[in-house]
Protein backbone atom coordinates (compact mmCIF):
# COMPACT_ATOMS: atom_id res chain seq x y z
CA UNK A 1 7.85 95.61 53.55
CA UNK A 2 7.31 94.46 57.33
CA UNK A 3 10.60 94.68 59.52
CA UNK A 4 10.26 91.17 60.31
CA UNK A 5 10.52 90.69 56.54
CA UNK A 6 13.80 92.83 55.97
CA UNK A 7 15.28 91.23 58.94
CA UNK A 8 15.51 87.86 57.37
CA UNK A 9 18.19 87.51 54.69
CA UNK A 10 18.09 84.74 51.46
CA UNK A 11 20.67 85.83 49.12
CA UNK A 12 23.59 84.49 46.52
CA UNK A 13 26.06 85.86 48.70
CA UNK A 14 25.76 83.74 51.68
CA UNK A 15 27.78 80.81 52.13
CA UNK A 16 28.36 79.48 48.69
CA UNK A 17 28.34 75.59 49.55
CA UNK A 18 28.66 74.19 46.14
CA UNK A 19 29.06 74.78 43.05
CA UNK A 20 28.60 71.99 40.00
CA UNK A 21 28.35 72.33 36.44
CA UNK A 22 27.02 70.20 33.87
CA UNK A 23 27.61 70.64 29.59
CA UNK A 24 24.76 68.92 27.49
CA UNK A 25 26.89 70.00 23.82
CA UNK A 26 30.64 69.83 23.12
CA UNK A 27 32.16 72.91 21.63
CA UNK A 28 33.12 71.06 18.46
CA UNK A 29 29.32 70.20 18.25
CA UNK A 30 28.25 73.71 19.09
CA UNK A 31 30.38 74.82 16.51
CA UNK A 32 30.11 72.93 14.07
CA UNK A 33 26.44 72.06 13.57
CA UNK A 34 25.23 75.90 15.53
CA UNK A 35 23.57 73.66 18.18
CA UNK A 36 22.97 75.52 21.40
CA UNK A 37 25.31 74.52 24.39
CA UNK A 38 24.02 73.95 27.88
CA UNK A 39 24.96 74.07 31.15
CA UNK A 40 23.66 73.39 34.19
CA UNK A 41 24.81 74.85 37.93
CA UNK A 42 23.79 74.55 41.26
CA UNK A 43 24.50 76.33 43.94
CA UNK A 44 23.33 76.57 48.06
CA UNK A 45 23.30 79.59 50.12
CA UNK A 46 22.22 80.19 53.50
CA UNK A 47 19.49 81.79 54.70
CA UNK A 48 19.75 84.11 58.15
CA UNK A 49 18.46 86.31 60.03
CA UNK A 50 19.78 89.23 61.31
CA UNK A 51 22.06 87.72 63.92
CA UNK A 52 23.34 86.14 61.62
CA UNK A 53 21.77 82.26 62.85
CA UNK A 54 21.58 80.00 59.98
CA UNK A 55 17.24 79.07 59.14
CA UNK A 56 17.45 77.81 55.89
CA UNK A 57 18.98 76.82 52.36
CA UNK A 58 18.31 78.63 49.69
CA UNK A 59 18.81 76.55 46.23
CA UNK A 60 19.10 77.86 42.93
CA UNK A 61 19.07 75.42 40.04
CA UNK A 62 20.03 77.25 36.76
CA UNK A 63 20.26 76.10 33.40
CA UNK A 64 22.23 78.21 31.06
CA UNK A 65 21.81 78.11 27.07
CA UNK A 66 23.98 79.84 24.49
CA UNK A 67 23.53 80.15 20.69
CA UNK A 68 24.53 81.99 18.06
CA UNK A 69 21.83 84.53 16.43
CA UNK A 70 21.71 86.82 14.02
CA UNK A 71 22.23 89.78 15.81
CA UNK A 72 25.14 88.01 18.03
CA UNK A 73 25.78 85.45 20.49
CA UNK A 74 22.56 85.16 23.42
CA UNK A 75 22.88 83.32 26.19
CA UNK A 76 19.50 82.56 28.28
CA UNK A 77 19.50 81.65 31.83
CA UNK A 78 16.64 80.30 33.45
CA UNK A 79 17.10 80.16 38.09
CA UNK A 80 15.13 78.07 39.89
CA UNK A 81 15.31 79.11 43.16
CA UNK A 82 13.34 76.71 46.01
CA UNK A 83 14.22 76.88 49.64
CA UNK A 84 14.69 74.74 52.99
CA UNK A 85 13.94 75.74 56.23
CA UNK A 86 15.06 74.28 59.57
CA UNK A 87 11.84 76.13 61.76
CA UNK A 88 9.12 78.42 61.04
CA UNK A 89 8.43 76.70 58.18
CA UNK A 90 4.66 78.81 57.40
CA UNK A 91 6.61 81.57 58.38
CA UNK A 92 9.93 81.86 56.24
CA UNK A 93 7.77 80.26 53.09
CA UNK A 94 5.75 83.38 52.84
CA UNK A 95 8.34 85.98 52.96
CA UNK A 96 10.58 83.87 50.54
CA UNK A 97 8.57 81.97 48.16
CA UNK A 98 9.67 79.22 45.54
CA UNK A 99 10.32 81.60 42.15
CA UNK A 100 11.95 80.80 38.26
CA UNK A 101 13.53 84.01 37.12
CA UNK A 102 14.85 84.50 33.28
CA UNK A 103 17.41 85.99 32.27
CA UNK A 104 18.65 87.00 28.70
CA UNK A 105 22.12 88.14 27.30
CA UNK A 106 23.20 89.15 23.90
CA UNK A 107 26.46 90.10 22.57
CA UNK A 108 26.17 91.48 19.07
CA UNK A 109 27.95 91.05 16.26
CA UNK A 110 29.33 94.78 16.73
CA UNK A 111 30.59 93.91 20.44
CA UNK A 112 27.91 95.32 22.33
CA UNK A 113 26.41 94.25 25.30
CA UNK A 114 22.76 94.11 26.28
CA UNK A 115 21.15 92.80 29.88
CA UNK A 116 17.41 91.95 29.29
CA UNK A 117 17.46 94.84 26.56
CA UNK A 118 19.54 97.14 28.44
CA UNK A 119 22.74 98.17 26.91
CA UNK A 120 25.44 97.86 28.76
CA UNK A 121 28.21 101.06 28.99
CA UNK A 122 31.75 100.83 27.45
CA UNK A 123 32.75 102.19 31.28
CA UNK A 124 30.52 98.77 32.60
CA UNK A 125 32.37 96.44 30.24
CA UNK A 126 35.93 97.66 30.75
CA UNK A 127 35.65 97.72 34.74
CA UNK A 128 39.04 95.79 35.88
CA UNK A 129 39.41 93.62 38.26
CA UNK A 130 41.83 94.74 40.64
CA UNK A 131 42.08 92.66 43.59
CA UNK A 132 45.04 90.99 44.72
CA UNK A 133 43.11 87.27 44.30
CA UNK A 134 46.51 85.49 45.59
CA UNK A 135 46.36 86.90 49.12
CA UNK A 136 44.01 85.45 51.96
CA UNK A 137 40.07 86.23 51.42
CA UNK A 138 40.11 86.24 54.85
CA UNK A 139 42.02 89.56 55.11
CA UNK A 140 39.83 91.52 52.25
CA UNK A 141 37.68 93.79 54.42
CA UNK A 142 35.67 93.04 56.92
CA UNK A 143 33.04 90.71 57.14
CA UNK A 144 29.97 90.12 58.63
CA UNK A 145 29.55 90.01 62.15
CA UNK A 146 33.11 90.63 63.13
CA UNK A 147 34.02 91.74 66.89
CA UNK A 148 36.88 94.39 66.81
CA UNK A 149 38.49 95.13 70.13
CA UNK A 150 35.24 93.80 71.44
CA UNK A 151 32.42 95.63 69.48
CA UNK A 152 30.21 94.37 66.83
CA UNK A 153 31.07 95.76 63.45
CA UNK A 154 30.44 94.64 59.62
CA UNK A 155 29.99 95.12 56.01
CA UNK A 156 32.80 96.24 53.69
CA UNK A 157 34.47 98.83 54.44
CA UNK A 158 34.23 101.58 51.02
CA UNK A 159 31.03 100.34 50.43
CA UNK A 160 28.76 99.77 53.14
CA UNK A 161 30.30 99.96 56.32
CA UNK A 162 28.98 99.65 60.33
CA UNK A 163 30.43 99.87 63.32
CA UNK A 164 29.93 100.46 67.60
CA UNK A 165 31.00 103.94 68.71
CA UNK A 166 31.76 102.01 72.12
CA UNK A 167 30.16 104.10 74.67
CA UNK A 168 27.53 103.44 76.78
CA UNK A 169 25.65 101.69 76.66
CA UNK A 170 26.94 99.92 73.37
CA UNK A 171 24.22 100.40 71.24
CA UNK A 172 25.24 103.11 69.06
CA UNK A 173 26.05 102.23 65.54
CA UNK A 174 28.40 104.99 63.00
CA UNK A 175 27.46 104.14 59.38
CA UNK A 176 28.64 104.66 55.87
CA UNK A 177 26.70 103.79 52.50
CA UNK A 178 27.20 104.38 49.03
CA UNK A 179 24.34 103.37 46.58
CA UNK A 180 25.99 101.33 44.05
CA UNK A 181 29.69 100.15 43.42
CA UNK A 182 31.43 98.70 40.01
CA UNK A 183 30.64 95.29 38.69
CA UNK A 184 33.24 93.71 40.85
CA UNK A 185 32.32 95.53 44.22
CA UNK A 186 35.76 97.12 44.43
CA UNK A 187 35.17 100.70 44.15
CA UNK A 188 32.14 102.48 45.40
CA UNK A 189 29.61 105.20 42.79
CA UNK A 190 27.43 107.93 44.20
CA UNK A 191 26.95 110.30 46.86
CA UNK A 192 28.13 108.92 50.15
CA UNK A 193 25.81 109.09 53.56
CA UNK A 194 27.23 108.63 56.50
CA UNK A 195 25.84 109.23 60.22
CA UNK A 196 24.80 107.32 63.57
CA UNK A 197 21.85 105.63 65.49
CA UNK A 198 21.19 104.31 68.46
CA UNK A 199 19.38 100.60 68.68
CA UNK A 200 17.21 101.18 71.13
CA UNK A 201 15.54 104.41 68.69
CA UNK A 202 16.04 103.03 65.52
CA UNK A 203 16.03 99.77 66.08
CA UNK A 204 14.16 99.05 62.69
CA UNK A 205 16.00 100.43 60.28
CA UNK A 206 19.63 100.01 62.27
CA UNK A 207 18.61 96.12 62.30
CA UNK A 208 17.90 96.57 58.49
CA UNK A 209 21.19 98.59 57.61
CA UNK A 210 23.04 95.60 59.38
CA UNK A 211 21.72 93.17 57.40
CA UNK A 212 22.23 94.56 54.30
CA UNK A 213 25.86 95.10 54.74
CA UNK A 214 26.73 92.24 55.93
CA UNK A 215 25.40 90.92 52.30
CA UNK A 216 27.93 93.10 50.83
CA UNK A 217 30.93 91.68 52.40
CA UNK A 218 29.64 88.38 51.61
CA UNK A 219 28.73 89.22 48.28
CA UNK A 220 32.03 90.59 48.02
CA UNK A 221 33.40 87.60 49.33
CA UNK A 222 32.07 85.62 46.74
CA UNK A 223 33.13 87.48 43.50
CA UNK A 224 36.60 87.18 45.23
CA UNK A 225 36.48 83.67 45.28
CA UNK A 226 34.90 83.32 41.79
CA UNK A 227 38.13 85.09 40.61
CA UNK A 228 40.31 83.11 42.48
CA UNK A 229 39.10 79.87 40.76
CA UNK A 230 39.38 81.62 37.08
CA UNK A 231 42.92 83.46 37.78
CA UNK A 232 44.97 80.00 36.67
CA UNK A 233 42.97 79.96 33.79
CA UNK A 234 44.35 83.26 32.83
CA UNK A 235 41.20 84.74 32.04
CA UNK A 236 41.20 88.51 31.24
CA UNK A 237 40.02 90.60 34.83
CA UNK A 238 37.41 92.66 32.60
CA UNK A 239 33.88 92.67 33.21
CA UNK A 240 32.91 92.19 29.38
CA UNK A 241 34.44 89.12 29.87
CA UNK A 242 33.11 87.56 32.56
CA UNK A 243 29.66 88.43 31.60
CA UNK A 244 30.59 86.55 28.17
CA UNK A 245 31.63 83.40 29.88
CA UNK A 246 28.86 82.92 32.17
CA UNK A 247 27.92 79.89 29.78
CA UNK A 248 30.74 78.19 29.57
CA UNK A 249 32.35 79.01 33.49
CA UNK A 250 30.63 78.17 36.65
CA UNK A 251 33.28 80.89 38.09
CA UNK A 252 32.13 83.14 35.69
CA UNK A 253 28.31 82.72 36.67
CA UNK A 254 29.38 82.72 40.93
CA UNK A 255 31.10 86.14 40.28
CA UNK A 256 28.46 87.41 38.00
CA UNK A 257 25.26 86.33 40.86
CA UNK A 258 27.58 87.73 43.67
CA UNK A 259 27.81 91.12 41.82
CA UNK A 260 24.15 91.45 41.37
CA UNK A 261 23.59 90.48 44.93
CA UNK A 262 26.29 93.00 46.45
CA UNK A 263 24.73 96.09 44.42
CA UNK A 264 20.96 95.15 45.34
CA UNK A 265 22.72 94.96 49.19
CA UNK A 266 24.19 97.94 48.46
CA UNK A 267 20.90 99.85 47.47
CA UNK A 268 19.08 98.49 49.66
CA UNK A 269 21.29 99.61 52.94
CA UNK A 270 22.02 103.52 51.27
CA UNK A 271 17.58 103.66 51.13
CA UNK A 272 17.09 102.28 54.58
CA UNK A 273 18.99 105.51 55.49
CA UNK A 274 19.08 108.27 53.19
């Protein structure tokens, strides 16, 4: 992948502008007639470059169909992603083409969970959400593009993070990264990698790492925002509960999508510096 392609980010984590949902079948009709339950979700996300400049918007329109089968509860997601860019349309469109993806989630009669035929472990399913969702989200970790004591820092502490060392010529950054985390992006998993790099000698790798680290922070905020919306309804804070609600709750869908975006960004950042 070229440097220019890596330096532009388009992820579900950034700036969720609006979320809406519609339900084409009621719960009663679903239960009585075994009709599929269909929800439609709409998300809008900023597309930013490595300097946090918004260059466009990514639109995600998702249709979620939930139906009962002989195996159990099946949830099918069809996600259509389209992009609108402010400028350099041809350049960015080549990097980020419009596309459609499908995902199948199966919860069997034996209460086993599969995502695209991959079985989730008991540990994954029973991951709890431990953050205090009553706190101001702005206090949760370090968000992208923060200037601490006049020095640039970003990412999410404890997961993927960078900070300017503050030594002349002020282009040396310390970084730390893990390859993965739990479902709610609260606890890092795997072996940590850390070190330092100079922008003048490692500009390409450093720029890529900073971009991915900021995606991790934004994704974590997206997870927390979704959990705030779920808190009032008294939903149990476990991964299996959230996954099971994707077809009926836009907030659960937001948590799921930002979890995926954050985990992908963690892997990418880790691979840049490992």
